[in-house]
């Protein structure tokens, strides 16, 4: 299909278009309310273009697109892709009052996300500039639904409408503490910086932790955020940036193809119902039909290395027995120890030559609170290759690194989701079941009202009576139980 036919087949709906050169390199990323109308305008003979646009058009040999439901959604995709791909013809806009910015006021006790035309040295974080105020205001509304923050210039004495429609956590009346609020700010910062992989990993860990504490309401809220982000990430990574596979082959020193990648991770939060998961990528994109999940069967203690050996051994023993297709590369979430454990299993199966690497930070990093300059610490990813004494450290803008991170993050997300699923199904008993007068109905009512066992433990009699179905005698039993 030549480029003219591709343009004719573009939809008339909103989205992001990606223009590529003869070698598949990304030349330009843009957004449009009508993809067909916008992209066609570049190639009309009657169009009068600037020298820069004329140069761009002469080099375009292919056009791909990412659909969006609205122009505001397309704006978010466009910004994320430009940060990731740094296309040659996407010239930065001038830093003046002509264009609007997104401003994250991290210099305030409870930061806000607002639109502004003035970029000041006030300790806030600025994102942009963007081309239209209307679209960026729509984008802010879109983001408020995922990362609710206050919008008021001065906090009122009582909660406003935004709290009741779940677009503000109401720090004004103490409905959220400072640490939890700043965690939402940090999540939004990662999102606006295009660091969705880190964001999803952080949220997945929080969700599993909440489920482990029986804070099912909190876990459900985090799950909603993850699903909203996943919808965006699935779109923005649908395009496979040129050069990442070739760069990866150069790093690993292999001349063979790297089309199919299988990535492994372990989830054993609190040592309960440990699981493993495998994500499959084909030509840079997730291939959901190839995903696999594993219940840990042979390891009873918390031992990540032994668990990794088990799931890698089970996966490839079956492929060898069934004469199935092997991957071109195996990615292990972990360092030298995890890589060695997995490699031992491959050698036992006669698969010594199968390419395998590990990816990990020097030490597990937790997301630190923002300071007034918006800076945060953290180490680069290390790539561990069998036979090399020292890990490879790739620059943050490495295309190969982005590919490996996507595969590793997806395996991590899948493992956490599976683990959470098992934990949820396994919660047939609870500490509440030991309390006289508490059956399934009252337990459900208490957890729905308070959100977690910890909050039930901290509640007084009057607060317990507010939960549906709880009378004075039952409230006393609850209090007496937790006192003991």
Protein backbone atom coordinates (compact mmCIF):
# COMPACT_ATOMS: atom_id res chain seq x y z
CA UNK A 1 0.00 0.00 0.00
CA UNK A 2 1.57 3.32 -1.09
CA UNK A 3 1.32 6.48 0.97
CA UNK A 4 -1.54 7.98 -1.08
CA UNK A 5 -3.66 4.90 -0.50
CA UNK A 6 -2.80 4.95 3.21
CA UNK A 7 -3.96 8.56 3.45
CA UNK A 8 -7.21 7.71 1.67
CA UNK A 9 -7.81 4.96 4.26
CA UNK A 10 -7.26 7.23 7.27
CA UNK A 11 -10.38 7.74 9.43
CA UNK A 12 -12.12 11.11 9.66
CA UNK A 13 -12.04 10.90 13.46
CA UNK A 14 -9.59 12.33 16.01
CA UNK A 15 -6.16 10.88 16.65
CA UNK A 16 -2.40 11.22 16.37
CA UNK A 17 -0.57 10.74 13.07
CA UNK A 18 3.07 9.59 12.81
CA UNK A 19 5.06 10.41 9.66
CA UNK A 20 8.05 8.22 8.86
CA UNK A 21 10.92 8.33 6.38
CA UNK A 22 12.26 5.75 3.96
CA UNK A 23 14.18 3.93 6.69
CA UNK A 24 11.22 3.86 9.07
CA UNK A 25 12.60 6.74 11.15
CA UNK A 26 10.04 9.00 12.81
CA UNK A 27 9.98 12.44 11.21
CA UNK A 28 6.94 14.10 12.74
CA UNK A 29 4.13 13.45 15.23
CA UNK A 30 0.95 15.53 15.13
CA UNK A 31 -2.64 15.48 16.35
CA UNK A 32 -5.89 16.15 14.52
CA UNK A 33 -9.65 16.26 15.01
CA UNK A 34 -9.91 14.61 11.59
CA UNK A 35 -6.91 12.48 10.68
CA UNK A 36 -7.79 12.18 7.01
CA UNK A 37 -8.41 15.91 6.54
CA UNK A 38 -5.26 16.98 8.40
CA UNK A 39 -2.80 14.54 6.83
CA UNK A 40 -4.25 15.08 3.35
CA UNK A 41 -3.57 18.81 3.66
CA UNK A 42 0.18 18.17 3.67
CA UNK A 43 0.08 16.48 0.26
CA UNK A 44 -2.20 18.77 -1.74
CA UNK A 45 -0.41 20.31 -4.69
CA UNK A 46 -2.20 23.61 -4.16
CA UNK A 47 -1.00 23.89 -0.55
CA UNK A 48 1.60 26.53 0.21
CA UNK A 49 3.95 25.25 2.87
CA UNK A 50 6.86 26.74 4.72
CA UNK A 51 10.33 25.54 3.83
CA UNK A 52 10.38 23.29 6.89
CA UNK A 53 7.03 21.62 6.06
CA UNK A 54 8.02 21.22 2.39
CA UNK A 55 11.20 19.49 3.51
CA UNK A 56 9.18 17.22 5.78
CA UNK A 57 6.66 16.26 3.09
CA UNK A 58 9.43 15.41 0.60
CA UNK A 59 10.83 12.84 3.07
CA UNK A 60 7.58 11.18 4.21
CA UNK A 61 7.24 7.60 2.93
CA UNK A 62 4.78 6.18 5.45
CA UNK A 63 2.03 7.37 7.81
CA UNK A 64 0.60 5.47 10.78
CA UNK A 65 -1.94 6.68 13.31
CA UNK A 66 -3.29 6.18 16.84
CA UNK A 67 -7.05 6.69 17.24
CA UNK A 68 -8.48 8.92 19.99
CA UNK A 69 -12.01 9.63 21.10
CA UNK A 70 -11.50 13.41 21.34
CA UNK A 71 -9.02 16.09 20.37
CA UNK A 72 -8.07 16.49 24.05
CA UNK A 73 -7.22 12.81 24.29
CA UNK A 74 -5.16 13.09 21.10
CA UNK A 75 -3.26 16.00 22.66
CA UNK A 76 -2.13 13.76 25.53
CA UNK A 77 -1.03 11.00 23.15
CA UNK A 78 0.85 13.50 20.97
CA UNK A 79 2.76 14.98 23.89
CA UNK A 80 3.70 11.56 25.24
CA UNK A 81 4.96 10.34 21.85
CA UNK A 82 6.98 13.49 21.17
CA UNK A 83 8.71 13.08 24.55
CA UNK A 84 9.43 9.44 23.78
CA UNK A 85 10.44 9.64 20.11
CA UNK A 86 11.88 13.19 19.77
CA UNK A 87 10.95 13.49 16.06
CA UNK A 88 13.26 15.61 13.90
CA UNK A 89 10.59 17.97 12.60
CA UNK A 90 8.75 18.60 15.87
CA UNK A 91 10.33 21.96 16.61
CA UNK A 92 9.71 23.19 20.16
CA UNK A 93 7.38 26.15 20.48
CA UNK A 94 8.74 29.44 21.76
CA UNK A 95 8.63 29.94 25.51
CA UNK A 96 6.48 33.06 25.64
CA UNK A 97 2.99 34.22 26.50
CA UNK A 98 1.60 33.18 23.12
CA UNK A 99 1.17 29.57 24.19
CA UNK A 100 -0.48 27.96 27.23
CA UNK A 101 1.32 25.68 29.69
CA UNK A 102 0.16 23.14 32.24
CA UNK A 103 1.36 24.22 35.68
CA UNK A 104 1.71 21.81 38.60
CA UNK A 105 2.04 24.00 41.69
CA UNK A 106 4.38 21.78 43.74
CA UNK A 107 5.41 24.93 45.66
CA UNK A 108 2.01 24.80 47.42
CA UNK A 109 1.15 22.59 50.38
CA UNK A 110 -1.58 20.84 48.35
CA UNK A 111 -0.59 21.33 44.67
CA UNK A 112 -3.01 22.08 41.83
CA UNK A 113 -2.91 21.48 38.06
CA UNK A 114 -3.84 24.65 36.20
CA UNK A 115 -3.51 26.24 32.76
CA UNK A 116 -1.36 29.35 32.48
CA UNK A 117 0.27 31.52 29.81
CA UNK A 118 3.08 32.69 32.11
CA UNK A 119 6.07 30.53 32.92
CA UNK A 120 7.66 31.86 36.09
CA UNK A 121 10.56 30.87 38.31
CA UNK A 122 8.27 30.07 41.24
CA UNK A 123 9.16 26.46 42.03
CA UNK A 124 6.21 25.04 40.06
CA UNK A 125 6.54 22.41 37.35
CA UNK A 126 5.57 23.47 33.81
CA UNK A 127 4.56 21.19 30.94
CA UNK A 128 4.16 22.33 27.35
CA UNK A 129 3.75 24.75 25.73
CA UNK A 130 0.63 23.65 23.86
CA UNK A 131 -1.05 25.14 20.83
CA UNK A 132 -4.64 25.69 21.96
CA UNK A 133 -6.16 26.73 25.27
CA UNK A 134 -9.44 24.97 24.54
CA UNK A 135 -7.86 21.57 24.05
CA UNK A 136 -5.58 21.84 27.05
CA UNK A 137 -8.51 22.79 29.30
CA UNK A 138 -10.36 19.72 28.04
CA UNK A 139 -7.24 17.67 28.77
CA UNK A 140 -7.14 19.01 32.34
CA UNK A 141 -10.75 17.88 32.84
CA UNK A 142 -9.79 14.48 31.48
CA UNK A 143 -6.82 14.22 33.87
CA UNK A 144 -8.88 15.33 36.90
CA UNK A 145 -10.94 12.18 36.52
CA UNK A 146 -7.81 10.03 36.85
CA UNK A 147 -5.68 12.11 39.23
CA UNK A 148 -8.09 14.18 41.36
CA UNK A 149 -6.49 17.30 42.84
CA UNK A 150 -7.94 20.49 44.27
CA UNK A 151 -8.61 23.36 41.85
CA UNK A 152 -9.45 26.19 44.27
CA UNK A 153 -6.96 29.07 44.59
CA UNK A 154 -7.75 29.20 48.32
CA UNK A 155 -8.98 26.17 50.20
CA UNK A 156 -12.55 26.70 51.48
CA UNK A 157 -13.90 25.81 54.91
CA UNK A 158 -16.09 23.04 53.50
CA UNK A 159 -16.02 20.62 50.60
CA UNK A 160 -17.19 21.90 47.22
CA UNK A 161 -19.00 20.19 44.36
CA UNK A 162 -15.75 18.70 42.98
CA UNK A 163 -15.45 16.51 46.08
CA UNK A 164 -18.97 15.14 45.65
CA UNK A 165 -18.37 14.28 41.97
CA UNK A 166 -15.05 12.58 42.90
CA UNK A 167 -12.79 15.12 41.16
CA UNK A 168 -11.20 16.43 44.36
CA UNK A 169 -10.15 14.48 47.50
CA UNK A 170 -11.09 17.44 49.75
CA UNK A 171 -7.86 18.22 51.64
CA UNK A 172 -9.74 21.32 52.88
CA UNK A 173 -11.74 19.20 55.34
CA UNK A 174 -9.08 16.56 55.98
CA UNK A 175 -10.57 13.80 53.82
CA UNK A 176 -7.03 12.98 52.61
CA UNK A 177 -3.73 13.35 54.42
CA UNK A 178 -0.69 15.16 52.99
CA UNK A 179 1.28 12.00 52.14
CA UNK A 180 -1.57 10.41 50.18
CA UNK A 181 -2.28 13.68 48.36
CA UNK A 182 1.37 14.08 47.38
CA UNK A 183 1.39 10.52 46.09
CA UNK A 184 -1.36 11.50 43.65
CA UNK A 185 0.72 14.56 42.66
CA UNK A 186 3.70 12.29 42.01
CA UNK A 187 1.56 9.98 39.89
CA UNK A 188 0.37 12.91 37.79
CA UNK A 189 3.95 14.16 37.39
CA UNK A 190 5.09 10.77 36.09
CA UNK A 191 2.16 10.69 33.69
CA UNK A 192 2.81 14.16 32.28
CA UNK A 193 6.49 13.31 31.84
CA UNK A 194 5.55 10.29 29.76
CA UNK A 195 6.87 7.81 32.36
CA UNK A 196 3.83 5.54 32.30
CA UNK A 197 5.88 2.40 32.91
CA UNK A 198 7.10 3.64 36.29
CA UNK A 199 3.64 4.89 37.12
CA UNK A 200 1.93 1.60 36.38
CA UNK A 201 4.54 -0.34 38.34
CA UNK A 202 4.08 1.94 41.36
CA UNK A 203 0.27 1.71 41.22
CA UNK A 204 0.33 -2.08 40.79
CA UNK A 205 2.41 -2.43 43.95
CA UNK A 206 0.07 -0.11 45.87
CA UNK A 207 -2.97 -2.07 44.66
CA UNK A 208 -1.51 -5.41 45.74
CA UNK A 209 -0.51 -3.94 49.09
CA UNK A 210 -4.04 -2.57 49.63
CA UNK A 211 -5.57 -5.95 48.77
CA UNK A 212 -3.19 -7.64 51.18
CA UNK A 213 -4.42 -5.34 53.96
CA UNK A 214 -8.01 -6.19 52.99
CA UNK A 215 -8.47 -2.57 51.93
CA UNK A 216 -10.59 -3.63 48.99
CA UNK A 217 -12.13 -0.21 48.45
CA UNK A 218 -8.66 1.32 48.14
CA UNK A 219 -7.49 -1.47 45.83
CA UNK A 220 -10.55 -0.95 43.65
CA UNK A 221 -9.84 2.79 43.32
CA UNK A 222 -6.25 2.09 42.27
CA UNK A 223 -7.49 -0.54 39.80
CA UNK A 224 -9.73 2.09 38.17
CA UNK A 225 -6.74 4.43 37.77
CA UNK A 226 -4.60 1.63 36.32
CA UNK A 227 -7.29 0.75 33.80
CA UNK A 228 -7.61 4.39 32.72
CA UNK A 229 -3.84 4.66 32.26
CA UNK A 230 -3.68 1.29 30.53
CA UNK A 231 -6.17 2.50 27.92
CA UNK A 232 -3.79 5.37 27.10
CA UNK A 233 -0.57 3.36 27.32
CA UNK A 234 -1.96 0.62 25.06
CA UNK A 235 -2.53 3.31 22.43
CA UNK A 236 0.73 5.21 22.80
CA UNK A 237 2.90 2.10 22.64
CA UNK A 238 0.95 0.54 19.79
CA UNK A 239 3.45 2.17 17.45
CA UNK A 240 6.77 0.33 17.34
CA UNK A 241 9.54 2.98 17.11
CA UNK A 242 12.06 2.24 14.40
CA UNK A 243 15.55 1.32 15.40
CA UNK A 244 14.86 -0.11 18.86
CA UNK A 245 15.33 -3.74 17.78
CA UNK A 246 18.45 -2.93 15.79
CA UNK A 247 19.87 -1.03 18.76
CA UNK A 248 19.08 -3.96 21.04
CA UNK A 249 20.80 -6.41 18.67
CA UNK A 250 23.88 -4.21 18.70
CA UNK A 251 23.94 -4.10 22.49
CA UNK A 252 23.59 -7.86 22.80
CA UNK A 253 25.99 -8.56 19.94
CA UNK A 254 23.55 -10.78 18.07
CA UNK A 255 22.84 -10.88 14.35
CA UNK A 256 19.73 -13.01 14.66
CA UNK A 257 16.21 -11.63 14.57
CA UNK A 258 14.51 -10.32 17.70
CA UNK A 259 10.79 -10.43 16.97
CA UNK A 260 9.35 -12.45 19.87
CA UNK A 261 10.29 -11.45 23.42
CA UNK A 262 9.07 -13.27 26.54
CA UNK A 263 9.41 -11.43 29.88
CA UNK A 264 9.08 -13.00 33.35
CA UNK A 265 8.32 -11.65 36.82
CA UNK A 266 7.45 -13.00 40.27
CA UNK A 267 4.87 -11.66 42.74
CA UNK A 268 5.02 -12.94 46.32
CA UNK A 269 3.69 -10.08 48.44
CA UNK A 270 3.64 -11.11 52.11
CA UNK A 271 4.76 -14.60 51.04
CA UNK A 272 1.16 -15.50 50.26
CA UNK A 273 -0.09 -17.28 47.10
CA UNK A 274 3.17 -16.62 45.23
CA UNK A 275 2.78 -16.48 41.45
CA UNK A 276 4.80 -15.92 38.32
CA UNK A 277 3.79 -14.34 35.04
CA UNK A 278 5.08 -14.09 31.50
CA UNK A 279 4.29 -11.30 29.05
CA UNK A 280 4.85 -11.84 25.33
CA UNK A 281 5.83 -9.11 22.86
CA UNK A 282 5.84 -9.55 19.08
CA UNK A 283 7.58 -6.89 16.99
CA UNK A 284 7.51 -4.44 19.88
CA UNK A 285 3.83 -4.86 20.73
CA UNK A 286 2.10 -6.88 23.48
CA UNK A 287 0.75 -10.20 22.18
CA UNK A 288 -1.89 -11.01 24.79
CA UNK A 289 -2.59 -14.49 23.41
CA UNK A 290 0.98 -15.44 24.32
CA UNK A 291 0.76 -14.38 27.99
CA UNK A 292 1.13 -17.10 30.63
CA UNK A 293 0.59 -17.22 34.41
CA UNK A 294 1.98 -19.67 36.95
CA UNK A 295 1.03 -20.74 40.46
CA UNK A 296 4.24 -21.47 42.37
CA UNK A 297 4.12 -25.18 43.25
CA UNK A 298 7.58 -26.33 44.35
CA UNK A 299 8.77 -23.41 46.52
CA UNK A 300 7.18 -22.99 49.95
CA UNK A 301 9.48 -20.24 51.28
CA UNK A 302 10.07 -16.69 50.01
CA UNK A 303 12.85 -17.35 47.49
CA UNK A 304 12.66 -15.33 44.30
CA UNK A 305 15.52 -17.21 42.65
CA UNK A 306 13.93 -20.62 43.22
CA UNK A 307 10.56 -19.29 42.04
CA UNK A 308 12.12 -17.87 38.88
CA UNK A 309 13.80 -21.22 38.20
CA UNK A 310 10.46 -22.97 38.57
CA UNK A 311 8.45 -20.83 36.16
CA UNK A 312 11.20 -20.59 33.52
CA UNK A 313 11.74 -24.34 33.74
CA UNK A 314 8.03 -25.08 33.42
CA UNK A 315 7.61 -22.71 30.48
CA UNK A 316 10.44 -24.03 28.32
CA UNK A 317 10.23 -27.68 29.33
CA UNK A 318 6.75 -27.67 27.88
CA UNK A 319 7.86 -25.92 24.70
CA UNK A 320 10.68 -28.44 24.25
CA UNK A 321 8.35 -31.39 24.81
CA UNK A 322 5.73 -29.99 22.43
CA UNK A 323 8.33 -28.77 19.92
CA UNK A 324 6.87 -25.28 20.16
CA UNK A 325 8.42 -22.06 18.85
CA UNK A 326 11.03 -20.57 21.15
CA UNK A 327 11.32 -16.81 21.72
CA UNK A 328 14.12 -14.74 20.22
CA UNK A 329 14.89 -13.17 23.61
CA UNK A 330 14.00 -13.86 27.25
CA UNK A 331 13.81 -10.90 29.67
CA UNK A 332 14.00 -11.55 33.41
CA UNK A 333 12.88 -8.93 35.92
CA UNK A 334 15.92 -8.99 38.20
CA UNK A 335 19.69 -8.82 38.43
CA UNK A 336 22.55 -11.33 38.37
CA UNK A 337 20.93 -13.79 40.77
CA UNK A 338 17.64 -13.98 38.89
CA UNK A 339 19.46 -14.25 35.55
CA UNK A 340 21.71 -17.06 36.81
CA UNK A 341 18.75 -18.98 38.20
CA UNK A 342 16.83 -18.77 34.92
CA UNK A 343 19.94 -19.59 32.84
CA UNK A 344 20.56 -22.78 34.87
CA UNK A 345 17.10 -24.04 33.95
CA UNK A 346 17.68 -23.32 30.26
CA UNK A 347 20.96 -25.22 30.34
CA UNK A 348 19.24 -28.25 31.91
CA UNK A 349 16.82 -28.23 28.96
CA UNK A 350 19.60 -27.97 26.37
CA UNK A 351 18.74 -24.35 25.59
CA UNK A 352 22.09 -22.86 26.54
CA UNK A 353 22.21 -20.72 23.39
CA UNK A 354 18.79 -19.09 23.89
CA UNK A 355 19.38 -15.32 24.42
CA UNK A 356 18.45 -14.22 27.95
CA UNK A 357 19.01 -10.99 29.89
CA UNK A 358 18.00 -9.44 33.22
CA UNK A 359 16.82 -5.88 33.75
CA UNK A 360 16.83 -4.19 37.16
CA UNK A 361 17.83 -1.08 39.02
CA UNK A 362 20.86 -1.39 41.33
CA UNK A 363 18.43 -1.43 44.23
CA UNK A 364 14.65 -1.41 44.34
CA UNK A 365 13.53 2.20 44.19
CA UNK A 366 10.53 3.72 45.88
CA UNK A 367 8.97 6.88 44.54
CA UNK A 368 10.19 9.74 46.67
CA UNK A 369 8.02 12.74 47.56
CA UNK A 370 8.47 15.78 45.37
CA UNK A 371 10.55 18.61 46.70
CA UNK A 372 9.93 22.20 45.68
CA UNK A 373 12.03 21.87 42.54
CA UNK A 374 10.23 18.73 41.44
CA UNK A 375 13.45 16.70 41.50
CA UNK A 376 13.60 13.07 42.53
CA UNK A 377 16.39 10.58 42.99
CA UNK A 378 16.80 7.24 41.29
CA UNK A 379 19.23 5.04 39.42
CA UNK A 380 19.45 4.04 35.78
CA UNK A 381 18.30 0.60 34.72
CA UNK A 382 21.03 -2.05 34.55
CA UNK A 383 20.97 -4.68 31.81
CA UNK A 384 22.55 -7.96 32.90
CA UNK A 385 23.89 -10.20 30.10
CA UNK A 386 25.16 -13.71 30.70
CA UNK A 387 28.92 -13.89 30.41
CA UNK A 388 29.50 -10.19 31.01
CA UNK A 389 30.97 -9.36 34.44
CA UNK A 390 29.47 -5.88 34.58
CA UNK A 391 25.92 -4.74 33.72
CA UNK A 392 25.20 -2.46 30.79
CA UNK A 393 23.79 0.97 31.66
CA UNK A 394 21.76 2.52 28.85
CA UNK A 395 20.87 6.22 28.55
CA UNK A 396 17.29 7.15 29.41
CA UNK A 397 16.51 8.03 25.77
CA UNK A 398 17.67 4.61 24.50
CA UNK A 399 15.06 3.02 22.23
CA UNK A 400 16.28 -0.47 23.19
CA UNK A 401 15.82 0.40 26.86
CA UNK A 402 12.25 1.56 26.21
CA UNK A 403 11.46 -1.78 24.56
CA UNK A 404 12.94 -3.80 27.45
CA UNK A 405 11.16 -1.66 30.04
CA UNK A 406 7.82 -2.11 28.28
CA UNK A 407 8.23 -5.89 28.28
CA UNK A 408 9.39 -6.00 31.92
CA UNK A 409 6.66 -3.61 33.11
CA UNK A 410 3.97 -5.60 31.36
CA UNK A 411 5.15 -8.85 32.98
CA UNK A 412 5.16 -7.05 36.33
CA UNK A 413 1.63 -5.71 35.81
CA UNK A 414 0.34 -9.13 34.75
CA UNK A 415 1.94 -10.83 37.77
CA UNK A 416 0.47 -8.29 40.20
CA UNK A 417 -2.98 -8.56 38.60
CA UNK A 418 -2.90 -12.37 38.83
CA UNK A 419 -1.69 -12.27 42.43
CA UNK A 420 -4.44 -9.82 43.38
CA UNK A 421 -6.99 -12.06 41.71
CA UNK A 422 -5.88 -15.06 43.76
CA UNK A 423 -5.77 -13.08 46.99
CA UNK A 424 -9.29 -11.79 46.39
CA UNK A 425 -10.65 -15.27 45.68
CA UNK A 426 -8.83 -16.67 48.69
CA UNK A 427 -10.30 -14.21 51.19
CA UNK A 428 -12.95 -16.62 52.47
CA UNK A 429 -12.01 -15.95 56.05
CA UNK A 430 -11.03 -12.77 57.82
CA UNK A 431 -10.05 -11.52 61.24
CA UNK A 432 -13.61 -10.20 61.46
CA UNK A 433 -14.97 -13.76 61.32
CA UNK A 434 -13.64 -14.42 64.82
CA UNK A 435 -15.92 -11.74 66.29
CA UNK A 436 -19.25 -12.97 67.75
CA UNK A 437 -22.20 -11.72 65.72
CA UNK A 438 -20.17 -11.04 62.54
CA UNK A 439 -21.25 -13.11 59.57
CA UNK A 440 -20.70 -12.67 55.86
CA UNK A 441 -23.34 -9.93 55.54
CA UNK A 442 -22.06 -7.78 58.42
CA UNK A 443 -18.42 -8.34 57.40
CA UNK A 444 -19.25 -7.07 53.91
CA UNK A 445 -21.11 -4.08 55.36
CA UNK A 446 -18.18 -3.15 57.63
CA UNK A 447 -15.59 -3.44 54.87
CA UNK A 448 -17.78 -1.44 52.50
CA UNK A 449 -18.30 1.31 55.09
CA UNK A 450 -14.76 1.55 56.48
CA UNK A 451 -12.68 0.24 53.55
CA UNK A 452 -10.24 -1.86 55.60
CA UNK A 453 -9.86 -3.93 58.79
CA UNK A 454 -7.41 -1.32 60.09
CA UNK A 455 -10.06 1.39 59.99
CA UNK A 456 -12.58 -0.88 61.67
CA UNK A 457 -10.04 -1.53 64.43
CA UNK A 458 -9.60 2.22 64.97
CA UNK A 459 -13.32 3.07 65.00
CA UNK A 460 -15.23 3.96 68.17
CA UNK A 461 -18.71 2.73 69.03
CA UNK A 462 -20.56 5.67 67.45
CA UNK A 463 -18.65 5.23 64.18
CA UNK A 464 -19.30 1.48 64.13
CA UNK A 465 -23.03 2.06 64.55
CA UNK A 466 -23.03 4.09 61.33
CA UNK A 467 -22.34 0.92 59.33
CA UNK A 468 -25.44 -0.83 58.02
CA UNK A 469 -26.59 -3.77 60.17
CA UNK A 470 -24.36 -3.02 63.17
CA UNK A 471 -26.19 -2.72 66.50
CA UNK A 472 -24.88 -1.78 69.95
CA UNK A 473 -24.08 -5.34 71.00
CA UNK A 474 -22.15 -6.10 67.82
CA UNK A 475 -20.26 -2.82 68.07
CA UNK A 476 -19.21 -3.75 71.63
CA UNK A 477 -18.09 -7.21 70.45
CA UNK A 478 -15.93 -5.59 67.76
CA UNK A 479 -14.29 -3.19 70.20
CA UNK A 480 -13.70 -5.94 72.79
CA UNK A 481 -12.18 -8.22 70.15
CA UNK A 482 -9.61 -5.68 69.00
CA UNK A 483 -8.77 -4.72 72.60
CA UNK A 484 -7.84 -8.36 73.22
